Structures are given as structure tokens and as C-alpha cells.
Amino acid sequence: FDFFLTAPVHRFTIDDPDDIEVVVLLVVVGAAVGE
């Protein structure tokens, strides 16, 4: 999600704090769903 859909694209960096929040939530929700 970070690499393809957040600016700057194709880099493992995120400029927008909202996108950072989405990435963290994505990992947390995914882990919770797995449990």
C-alpha cells in the first residue's frame, strides 16, 4: 500500500500523515483478522 498508493509512489516513504495512519491500521486490522 505504501509502495504503490502513497506519495511518493514506488518508494517506501510516506509524506501524508493520513496515509501513515492508513498503513498502520491496515497492518493492525489484518493481524487482528488473522487472530
Full PDB file with SEQRES, HELIX, SHEET, SSBOND, CRYST1, ORIGX, SCALE, CONECT and MASTER records, all heavy atoms in Angstrom:
SEQRES   1 A   35  PHE ASP PHE PHE LEU THR ALA PRO VAL HIS ARG PHE THR          
SEQRES   2 A   35  ILE ASP ASP PRO ASP ASP ILE GLU VAL VAL VAL LEU LEU          
SEQRES   3 A   35  VAL VAL VAL GLY ALA ALA VAL GLY GLU                          
HELIX    1 AA1 ASP A    2  LEU A    5  1                                   4    
HELIX    2 AA2 PRO A   17  GLY A   34  1                                  18    
CRYST1    1.000    1.000    1.000  90.00  90.00  90.00 P 1           1          
ORIGX1      1.000000  0.000000  0.000000        0.00000                         
ORIGX2      0.000000  1.000000  0.000000        0.00000                         
ORIGX3      0.000000  0.000000  1.000000        0.00000                         
SCALE1      1.000000  0.000000  0.000000        0.00000                         
SCALE2      0.000000  1.000000  0.000000        0.00000                         
SCALE3      0.000000  0.000000  1.000000        0.00000                         
ATOM      1  N   PHE A   1       0.845  -1.195   0.000  1.00  0.00           N  
ATOM      2  CA  PHE A   1       0.000   0.000   0.000  1.00  0.00           C  
ATOM      3  C   PHE A   1       0.881   1.247   0.000  1.00  0.00           C  
ATOM      4  O   PHE A   1       0.635   2.212  -0.743  1.00  0.00           O  
ATOM      5  CB  PHE A   1      -0.917  -0.011   1.229  1.00  0.00           C  
ATOM      6  CG  PHE A   1      -1.841   1.165   1.304  1.00  0.00           C  
ATOM      7  CD1 PHE A   1      -3.067   1.156   0.642  1.00  0.00           C  
ATOM      8  CD2 PHE A   1      -1.498   2.294   2.044  1.00  0.00           C  
ATOM      9  CE1 PHE A   1      -3.924   2.252   0.717  1.00  0.00           C  
ATOM     10  CE2 PHE A   1      -2.341   3.384   2.121  1.00  0.00           C  
ATOM     11  CZ  PHE A   1      -3.563   3.370   1.451  1.00  0.00           C  
ATOM     12  N   ASP A   2       1.910   1.220   0.829  1.00  0.00           N  
ATOM     13  CA  ASP A   2       2.852   2.341   0.890  1.00  0.00           C  
ATOM     14  C   ASP A   2       3.576   2.505  -0.452  1.00  0.00           C  
ATOM     15  O   ASP A   2       3.677   3.622  -0.989  1.00  0.00           O  
ATOM     16  CB  ASP A   2       3.857   2.071   2.015  1.00  0.00           C  
ATOM     17  CG  ASP A   2       5.004   3.067   2.037  1.00  0.00           C  
ATOM     18  OD1 ASP A   2       4.884   4.141   1.418  1.00  0.00           O  
ATOM     19  OD2 ASP A   2       6.024   2.767   2.695  1.00  0.00           O  
ATOM     20  N   PHE A   3       4.036   1.396  -1.017  1.00  0.00           N  
ATOM     21  CA  PHE A   3       4.883   1.464  -2.206  1.00  0.00           C  
ATOM     22  C   PHE A   3       4.114   1.923  -3.443  1.00  0.00           C  
ATOM     23  O   PHE A   3       4.615   2.727  -4.244  1.00  0.00           O  
ATOM     24  CB  PHE A   3       5.506   0.081  -2.465  1.00  0.00           C  
ATOM     25  CG  PHE A   3       6.575   0.081  -3.523  1.00  0.00           C  
ATOM     26  CD1 PHE A   3       7.856   0.535  -3.227  1.00  0.00           C  
ATOM     27  CD2 PHE A   3       6.310  -0.392  -4.804  1.00  0.00           C  
ATOM     28  CE1 PHE A   3       8.850   0.531  -4.196  1.00  0.00           C  
ATOM     29  CE2 PHE A   3       7.294  -0.401  -5.774  1.00  0.00           C  
ATOM     30  CZ  PHE A   3       8.571   0.058  -5.469  1.00  0.00           C  
ATOM     31  N   PHE A   4       2.884   1.449  -3.613  1.00  0.00           N  
ATOM     32  CA  PHE A   4       2.160   1.711  -4.861  1.00  0.00           C  
ATOM     33  C   PHE A   4       1.130   2.838  -4.763  1.00  0.00           C  
ATOM     34  O   PHE A   4       0.793   3.446  -5.783  1.00  0.00           O  
ATOM     35  CB  PHE A   4       1.432   0.439  -5.329  1.00  0.00           C  
ATOM     36  CG  PHE A   4       2.354  -0.626  -5.837  1.00  0.00           C  
ATOM     37  CD1 PHE A   4       2.547  -1.785  -5.105  1.00  0.00           C  
ATOM     38  CD2 PHE A   4       3.029  -0.478  -7.039  1.00  0.00           C  
ATOM     39  CE1 PHE A   4       3.399  -2.780  -5.569  1.00  0.00           C  
ATOM     40  CE2 PHE A   4       3.873  -1.464  -7.512  1.00  0.00           C  
ATOM     41  CZ  PHE A   4       4.074  -2.626  -6.767  1.00  0.00           C  
ATOM     42  N   LEU A   5       0.620   3.126  -3.571  1.00  0.00           N  
ATOM     43  CA  LEU A   5      -0.551   4.001  -3.490  1.00  0.00           C  
ATOM     44  C   LEU A   5      -0.356   5.266  -2.667  1.00  0.00           C  
ATOM     45  O   LEU A   5      -1.277   6.070  -2.556  1.00  0.00           O  
ATOM     46  CB  LEU A   5      -1.744   3.206  -2.915  1.00  0.00           C  
ATOM     47  CG  LEU A   5      -2.198   2.007  -3.762  1.00  0.00           C  
ATOM     48  CD1 LEU A   5      -3.207   1.180  -2.996  1.00  0.00           C  
ATOM     49  CD2 LEU A   5      -2.797   2.495  -5.077  1.00  0.00           C  
ATOM     50  N   THR A   6       0.780   5.451  -2.070  1.00  0.00           N  
ATOM     51  CA  THR A   6       1.001   6.688  -1.299  1.00  0.00           C  
ATOM     52  C   THR A   6       2.143   7.487  -1.917  1.00  0.00           C  
ATOM     53  O   THR A   6       3.084   6.917  -2.492  1.00  0.00           O  
ATOM     54  CB  THR A   6       1.335   6.375   0.172  1.00  0.00           C  
ATOM     55  OG1 THR A   6       2.565   5.646   0.239  1.00  0.00           O  
ATOM     56  CG2 THR A   6       0.235   5.575   0.829  1.00  0.00           C  
ATOM     57  N   ALA A   7       2.038   8.796  -1.787  1.00  0.00           N  
ATOM     58  CA  ALA A   7       3.082   9.675  -2.323  1.00  0.00           C  
ATOM     59  C   ALA A   7       4.248   9.740  -1.337  1.00  0.00           C  
ATOM     60  O   ALA A   7       4.031   9.841  -0.123  1.00  0.00           O  
ATOM     61  CB  ALA A   7       2.509  11.073  -2.544  1.00  0.00           C  
ATOM     62  N   PRO A   8       5.480   9.689  -1.866  1.00  0.00           N  
ATOM     63  CA  PRO A   8       5.863   9.461  -3.273  1.00  0.00           C  
ATOM     64  C   PRO A   8       5.724   7.974  -3.632  1.00  0.00           C  
ATOM     65  O   PRO A   8       6.130   7.112  -2.867  1.00  0.00           O  
ATOM     66  CB  PRO A   8       7.324   9.899  -3.304  1.00  0.00           C  
ATOM     67  CG  PRO A   8       7.817   9.658  -1.907  1.00  0.00           C  
ATOM     68  CD  PRO A   8       6.646   9.927  -1.002  1.00  0.00           C  
ATOM     69  N   VAL A   9       5.127   7.706  -4.807  1.00  0.00           N  
ATOM     70  CA  VAL A   9       4.894   6.325  -5.226  1.00  0.00           C  
ATOM     71  C   VAL A   9       6.207   5.640  -5.585  1.00  0.00           C  
ATOM     72  O   VAL A   9       7.206   6.285  -5.891  1.00  0.00           O  
ATOM     73  CB  VAL A   9       3.921   6.270  -6.425  1.00  0.00           C  
ATOM     74  CG1 VAL A   9       2.545   6.765  -6.020  1.00  0.00           C  
ATOM     75  CG2 VAL A   9       4.474   7.045  -7.606  1.00  0.00           C  
ATOM     76  N   HIS A  10       6.182   4.318  -5.503  1.00  0.00           N  
ATOM     77  CA  HIS A  10       7.319   3.457  -5.809  1.00  0.00           C  
ATOM     78  C   HIS A  10       8.499   3.721  -4.880  1.00  0.00           C  
ATOM     79  O   HIS A  10       9.653   3.480  -5.235  1.00  0.00           O  
ATOM     80  CB  HIS A  10       7.747   3.608  -7.280  1.00  0.00           C  
ATOM     81  CG  HIS A  10       6.657   3.238  -8.235  1.00  0.00           C  
ATOM     82  ND1 HIS A  10       6.644   3.662  -9.552  1.00  0.00           N  
ATOM     83  CD2 HIS A  10       5.515   2.503  -8.079  1.00  0.00           C  
ATOM     84  CE1 HIS A  10       5.558   3.193 -10.148  1.00  0.00           C  
ATOM     85  NE2 HIS A  10       4.852   2.490  -9.276  1.00  0.00           N  
ATOM     86  N   ARG A  11       8.194   4.190  -3.679  1.00  0.00           N  
ATOM     87  CA  ARG A  11       9.220   4.359  -2.649  1.00  0.00           C  
ATOM     88  C   ARG A  11       8.596   3.994  -1.308  1.00  0.00           C  
ATOM     89  O   ARG A  11       7.406   4.226  -1.083  1.00  0.00           O  
ATOM     90  CB  ARG A  11       9.746   5.801  -2.601  1.00  0.00           C  
ATOM     91  CG  ARG A  11      10.567   6.196  -3.845  1.00  0.00           C  
ATOM     92  CD  ARG A  11      10.947   7.657  -3.784  1.00  0.00           C  
ATOM     93  NE  ARG A  11      11.725   7.971  -2.577  1.00  0.00           N  
ATOM     94  CZ  ARG A  11      12.045   9.210  -2.183  1.00  0.00           C  
ATOM     95  NH1 ARG A  11      11.636  10.252  -2.903  1.00  0.00           N  
ATOM     96  NH2 ARG A  11      12.763   9.401  -1.102  1.00  0.00           N  
ATOM     97  N   PHE A  12       9.415   3.415  -0.428  1.00  0.00           N  
ATOM     98  CA  PHE A  12       8.907   3.038   0.890  1.00  0.00           C  
ATOM     99  C   PHE A  12       8.990   4.212   1.859  1.00  0.00           C  
ATOM    100  O   PHE A  12       9.551   4.124   2.951  1.00  0.00           O  
ATOM    101  CB  PHE A  12       9.676   1.833   1.431  1.00  0.00           C  
ATOM    102  CG  PHE A  12       9.361   0.546   0.710  1.00  0.00           C  
ATOM    103  CD1 PHE A  12      10.323  -0.066  -0.080  1.00  0.00           C  
ATOM    104  CD2 PHE A  12       8.104  -0.041   0.807  1.00  0.00           C  
ATOM    105  CE1 PHE A  12      10.037  -1.246  -0.754  1.00  0.00           C  
ATOM    106  CE2 PHE A  12       7.812  -1.222   0.126  1.00  0.00           C  
ATOM    107  CZ  PHE A  12       8.777  -1.825  -0.658  1.00  0.00           C  
ATOM    108  N   THR A  13       8.414   5.318   1.432  1.00  0.00           N  
ATOM    109  CA  THR A  13       8.300   6.500   2.287  1.00  0.00           C  
ATOM    110  C   THR A  13       6.908   7.082   2.110  1.00  0.00           C  
ATOM    111  O   THR A  13       6.270   6.882   1.078  1.00  0.00           O  
ATOM    112  CB  THR A  13       9.347   7.574   1.908  1.00  0.00           C  
ATOM    113  OG1 THR A  13       9.206   7.907   0.517  1.00  0.00           O  
ATOM    114  CG2 THR A  13      10.753   7.079   2.178  1.00  0.00           C  
ATOM    115  N   ILE A  14       6.430   7.813   3.120  1.00  0.00           N  
ATOM    116  CA  ILE A  14       5.088   8.395   3.089  1.00  0.00           C  
ATOM    117  C   ILE A  14       5.184   9.849   3.544  1.00  0.00           C  
ATOM    118  O   ILE A  14       5.764  10.146   4.589  1.00  0.00           O  
ATOM    119  CB  ILE A  14       4.123   7.629   4.015  1.00  0.00           C  
ATOM    120  CG1 ILE A  14       4.074   6.146   3.638  1.00  0.00           C  
ATOM    121  CG2 ILE A  14       2.721   8.219   3.950  1.00  0.00           C  
ATOM    122  CD1 ILE A  14       3.246   5.311   4.586  1.00  0.00           C  
ATOM    123  N   ASP A  15       4.615  10.742   2.731  1.00  0.00           N  
ATOM    124  CA  ASP A  15       4.633  12.162   3.076  1.00  0.00           C  
ATOM    125  C   ASP A  15       3.393  12.581   3.865  1.00  0.00           C  
ATOM    126  O   ASP A  15       3.476  13.439   4.743  1.00  0.00           O  
ATOM    127  CB  ASP A  15       4.728  13.021   1.794  1.00  0.00           C  
ATOM    128  CG  ASP A  15       6.080  12.878   1.110  1.00  0.00           C  
ATOM    129  OD1 ASP A  15       7.036  12.453   1.794  1.00  0.00           O  
ATOM    130  OD2 ASP A  15       6.173  13.179  -0.100  1.00  0.00           O  
ATOM    131  N   ASP A  16       2.261  12.003   3.555  1.00  0.00           N  
ATOM    132  CA  ASP A  16       0.991  12.406   4.175  1.00  0.00           C  
ATOM    133  C   ASP A  16       0.768  11.634   5.476  1.00  0.00           C  
ATOM    134  O   ASP A  16       0.706  10.393   5.463  1.00  0.00           O  
ATOM    135  CB  ASP A  16      -0.151  12.145   3.195  1.00  0.00           C  
ATOM    136  CG  ASP A  16      -1.465  12.751   3.676  1.00  0.00           C  
ATOM    137  OD1 ASP A  16      -1.580  13.046   4.876  1.00  0.00           O  
ATOM    138  OD2 ASP A  16      -2.378  12.903   2.841  1.00  0.00           O  
ATOM    139  N   PRO A  17       0.613  12.325   6.621  1.00  0.00           N  
ATOM    140  CA  PRO A  17       0.357  11.630   7.890  1.00  0.00           C  
ATOM    141  C   PRO A  17      -0.896  10.754   7.843  1.00  0.00           C  
ATOM    142  O   PRO A  17      -0.955   9.718   8.507  1.00  0.00           O  
ATOM    143  CB  PRO A  17       0.198  12.778   8.894  1.00  0.00           C  
ATOM    144  CG  PRO A  17       0.941  13.917   8.291  1.00  0.00           C  
ATOM    145  CD  PRO A  17       0.760  13.777   6.813  1.00  0.00           C  
ATOM    146  N   ASP A  18      -1.902  11.168   7.063  1.00  0.00           N  
ATOM    147  CA  ASP A  18      -3.121  10.355   6.953  1.00  0.00           C  
ATOM    148  C   ASP A  18      -2.813   8.997   6.323  1.00  0.00           C  
ATOM    149  O   ASP A  18      -3.397   7.975   6.696  1.00  0.00           O  
ATOM    150  CB  ASP A  18      -4.178  11.087   6.127  1.00  0.00           C  
ATOM    151  CG  ASP A  18      -4.765  12.279   6.877  1.00  0.00           C  
ATOM    152  OD1 ASP A  18      -4.646  12.296   8.123  1.00  0.00           O  
ATOM    153  OD2 ASP A  18      -5.331  13.174   6.227  1.00  0.00           O  
ATOM    154  N   ASP A  19      -1.908   9.002   5.352  1.00  0.00           N  
ATOM    155  CA  ASP A  19      -1.535   7.734   4.724  1.00  0.00           C  
ATOM    156  C   ASP A  19      -0.769   6.835   5.700  1.00  0.00           C  
ATOM    157  O   ASP A  19      -0.896   5.601   5.668  1.00  0.00           O  
ATOM    158  CB  ASP A  19      -0.686   7.989   3.477  1.00  0.00           C  
ATOM    159  CG  ASP A  19      -1.505   8.533   2.311  1.00  0.00           C  
ATOM    160  OD1 ASP A  19      -2.739   8.332   2.330  1.00  0.00           O  
ATOM    161  OD2 ASP A  19      -0.926   9.156   1.406  1.00  0.00           O  
ATOM    162  N   ILE A  20       0.035   7.454   6.556  1.00  0.00           N  
ATOM    163  CA  ILE A  20       0.733   6.666   7.584  1.00  0.00           C  
ATOM    164  C   ILE A  20      -0.283   5.970   8.481  1.00  0.00           C  
ATOM    165  O   ILE A  20      -0.168   4.780   8.811  1.00  0.00           O  
ATOM    166  CB  ILE A  20       1.665   7.568   8.421  1.00  0.00           C  
ATOM    167  CG1 ILE A  20       2.784   8.143   7.545  1.00  0.00           C  
ATOM    168  CG2 ILE A  20       2.251   6.785   9.597  1.00  0.00           C  
ATOM    169  CD1 ILE A  20       3.683   9.118   8.273  1.00  0.00           C  
ATOM    170  N   GLU A  21      -1.315   6.708   8.845  1.00  0.00           N  
ATOM    171  CA  GLU A  21      -2.364   6.138   9.691  1.00  0.00           C  
ATOM    172  C   GLU A  21      -3.059   4.971   8.999  1.00  0.00           C  
ATOM    173  O   GLU A  21      -3.336   3.942   9.616  1.00  0.00           O  
ATOM    174  CB  GLU A  21      -3.376   7.232  10.037  1.00  0.00           C  
ATOM    175  CG  GLU A  21      -4.477   6.785  10.981  1.00  0.00           C  
ATOM    176  CD  GLU A  21      -5.404   7.932  11.339  1.00  0.00           C  
ATOM    177  OE1 GLU A  21      -4.900   9.028  11.661  1.00  0.00           O  
ATOM    178  OE2 GLU A  21      -6.626   7.713  11.288  1.00  0.00           O  
ATOM    179  N   VAL A  22      -3.322   5.114   7.702  1.00  0.00           N  
ATOM    180  CA  VAL A  22      -3.979   4.045   6.947  1.00  0.00           C  
ATOM    181  C   VAL A  22      -3.102   2.796   6.915  1.00  0.00           C  
ATOM    182  O   VAL A  22      -3.584   1.668   7.104  1.00  0.00           O  
ATOM    183  CB  VAL A  22      -4.315   4.506   5.515  1.00  0.00           C  
ATOM    184  CG1 VAL A  22      -4.796   3.320   4.675  1.00  0.00           C  
ATOM    185  CG2 VAL A  22      -5.372   5.592   5.536  1.00  0.00           C  
ATOM    186  N   VAL A  23      -1.802   2.975   6.682  1.00  0.00           N  
ATOM    187  CA  VAL A  23      -0.890   1.826   6.623  1.00  0.00           C  
ATOM    188  C   VAL A  23      -0.855   1.103   7.965  1.00  0.00           C  
ATOM    189  O   VAL A  23      -0.943  -0.139   8.031  1.00  0.00           O  
ATOM    190  CB  VAL A  23       0.530   2.279   6.218  1.00  0.00           C  
ATOM    191  CG1 VAL A  23       1.526   1.134   6.388  1.00  0.00           C  
ATOM    192  CG2 VAL A  23       0.533   2.768   4.783  1.00  0.00           C  
ATOM    193  N   VAL A  24      -0.749   1.871   9.054  1.00  0.00           N  
ATOM    194  CA  VAL A  24      -0.708   1.254  10.390  1.00  0.00           C  
ATOM    195  C   VAL A  24      -1.995   0.504  10.666  1.00  0.00           C  
ATOM    196  O   VAL A  24      -1.992  -0.640  11.141  1.00  0.00           O  
ATOM    197  CB  VAL A  24      -0.444   2.327  11.465  1.00  0.00           C  
ATOM    198  CG1 VAL A  24      -0.607   1.731  12.858  1.00  0.00           C  
ATOM    199  CG2 VAL A  24       0.950   2.919  11.297  1.00  0.00           C  
ATOM    200  N   LEU A  25      -3.132   1.145  10.364  1.00  0.00           N  
ATOM    201  CA  LEU A  25      -4.421   0.495  10.595  1.00  0.00           C  
ATOM    202  C   LEU A  25      -4.573  -0.757   9.736  1.00  0.00           C  
ATOM    203  O   LEU A  25      -5.142  -1.763  10.180  1.00  0.00           O  
ATOM    204  CB  LEU A  25      -5.564   1.469  10.304  1.00  0.00           C  
ATOM    205  CG  LEU A  25      -5.779   2.571  11.346  1.00  0.00           C  
ATOM    206  CD1 LEU A  25      -6.847   3.552  10.872  1.00  0.00           C  
ATOM    207  CD2 LEU A  25      -6.181   1.969  12.687  1.00  0.00           C  
ATOM    208  N   LEU A  26      -4.053  -0.700   8.511  1.00  0.00           N  
ATOM    209  CA  LEU A  26      -4.139  -1.849   7.611  1.00  0.00           C  
ATOM    210  C   LEU A  26      -3.409  -3.049   8.209  1.00  0.00           C  
ATOM    211  O   LEU A  26      -3.926  -4.171   8.219  1.00  0.00           O  
ATOM    212  CB  LEU A  26      -3.546  -1.485   6.258  1.00  0.00           C  
ATOM    213  CG  LEU A  26      -3.676  -2.517   5.130  1.00  0.00           C  
ATOM    214  CD1 LEU A  26      -5.130  -2.832   4.840  1.00  0.00           C  
ATOM    215  CD2 LEU A  26      -2.993  -1.979   3.872  1.00  0.00           C  
ATOM    216  N   VAL A  27      -2.216  -2.811   8.735  1.00  0.00           N  
ATOM    217  CA  VAL A  27      -1.441  -3.903   9.339  1.00  0.00           C  
ATOM    218  C   VAL A  27      -2.127  -4.410  10.605  1.00  0.00           C  
ATOM    219  O   VAL A  27      -2.254  -5.620  10.828  1.00  0.00           O  
ATOM    220  CB  VAL A  27       0.000  -3.439   9.641  1.00  0.00           C  
ATOM    221  CG1 VAL A  27       0.755  -4.525  10.401  1.00  0.00           C  
ATOM    222  CG2 VAL A  27       0.733  -3.085   8.351  1.00  0.00           C  
ATOM    223  N   VAL A  28      -2.589  -3.482  11.464  1.00  0.00           N  
ATOM    224  CA  VAL A  28      -3.224  -3.878  12.725  1.00  0.00           C  
ATOM    225  C   VAL A  28      -4.511  -4.654  12.468  1.00  0.00           C  
ATOM    226  O   VAL A  28      -4.757  -5.710  13.066  1.00  0.00           O  
ATOM    227  CB  VAL A  28      -3.498  -2.636  13.601  1.00  0.00           C  
ATOM    228  CG1 VAL A  28      -4.363  -3.006  14.801  1.00  0.00           C  
ATOM    229  CG2 VAL A  28      -2.194  -2.016  14.065  1.00  0.00           C  
ATOM    230  N   VAL A  29      -5.341  -4.120  11.563  1.00  0.00           N  
ATOM    231  CA  VAL A  29      -6.603  -4.802  11.248  1.00  0.00           C  
ATOM    232  C   VAL A  29      -6.323  -6.166  10.625  1.00  0.00           C  
ATOM    233  O   VAL A  29      -6.976  -7.161  10.963  1.00  0.00           O  
ATOM    234  CB  VAL A  29      -7.468  -3.942  10.306  1.00  0.00           C  
ATOM    235  CG1 VAL A  29      -8.649  -4.744   9.775  1.00  0.00           C  
ATOM    236  CG2 VAL A  29      -7.979  -2.709  11.046  1.00  0.00           C  
ATOM    237  N   GLY A  30      -5.351  -6.233   9.730  1.00  0.00           N  
ATOM    238  CA  GLY A  30      -5.014  -7.512   9.117  1.00  0.00           C  
ATOM    239  C   GLY A  30      -4.564  -8.533  10.143  1.00  0.00           C  
ATOM    240  O   GLY A  30      -4.971  -9.701  10.104  1.00  0.00           O  
ATOM    241  N   ALA A  31      -3.718  -8.095  11.091  1.00  0.00           N  
ATOM    242  CA  ALA A  31      -3.256  -9.010  12.142  1.00  0.00           C  
ATOM    243  C   ALA A  31      -4.409  -9.451  13.032  1.00  0.00           C  
ATOM    244  O   ALA A  31      -4.505 -10.617  13.429  1.00  0.00           O  
ATOM    245  CB  ALA A  31      -2.160  -8.344  12.964  1.00  0.00           C  
ATOM    246  N   ALA A  32      -5.308  -8.502  13.361  1.00  0.00           N  
ATOM    247  CA  ALA A  32      -6.456  -8.835  14.210  1.00  0.00           C  
ATOM    248  C   ALA A  32      -7.387  -9.825  13.511  1.00  0.00           C  
ATOM    249  O   ALA A  32      -7.877 -10.783  14.127  1.00  0.00           O  
ATOM    250  CB  ALA A  32      -7.220  -7.569  14.571  1.00  0.00           C  
ATOM    251  N   VAL A  33      -7.622  -9.600  12.229  1.00  0.00           N  
ATOM    252  CA  VAL A  33      -8.462 -10.527  11.467  1.00  0.00           C  
ATOM    253  C   VAL A  33      -7.834 -11.917  11.456  1.00  0.00           C  
ATOM    254  O   VAL A  33      -8.524 -12.940  11.581  1.00  0.00           O  
ATOM    255  CB  VAL A  33      -8.669 -10.007  10.028  1.00  0.00           C  
ATOM    256  CG1 VAL A  33      -9.256 -11.087   9.137  1.00  0.00           C  
ATOM    257  CG2 VAL A  33      -9.573  -8.783  10.035  1.00  0.00           C  
ATOM    258  N   GLY A  34      -6.514 -11.949  11.335  1.00  0.00           N  
ATOM    259  CA  GLY A  34      -5.828 -13.241  11.349  1.00  0.00           C  
ATOM    260  C   GLY A  34      -6.019 -13.972  12.659  1.00  0.00           C  
ATOM    261  O   GLY A  34      -6.260 -15.182  12.683  1.00  0.00           O  
ATOM    262  N   GLU A  35      -5.906 -13.247  13.777  1.00  0.00           N  
ATOM    263  CA  GLU A  35      -6.104 -13.879  15.084  1.00  0.00           C  
ATOM    264  C   GLU A  35      -7.518 -14.405  15.232  1.00  0.00           C  
ATOM    265  O   GLU A  35      -7.743 -15.493  15.754  1.00  0.00           O  
ATOM    266  CB  GLU A  35      -5.779 -12.882  16.199  1.00  0.00           C  
ATOM    267  CG  GLU A  35      -4.298 -12.602  16.362  1.00  0.00           C  
ATOM    268  CD  GLU A  35      -3.515 -13.858  16.690  1.00  0.00           C  
ATOM    269  OE1 GLU A  35      -3.911 -14.591  17.611  1.00  0.00           O  
ATOM    270  OE2 GLU A  35      -2.518 -14.119  15.998  1.00  0.00           O  
TER     271      GLU A  35                                                      
MASTER        0    0    0    2    0    0    0    6  270    1    0    3          
END                                                                             
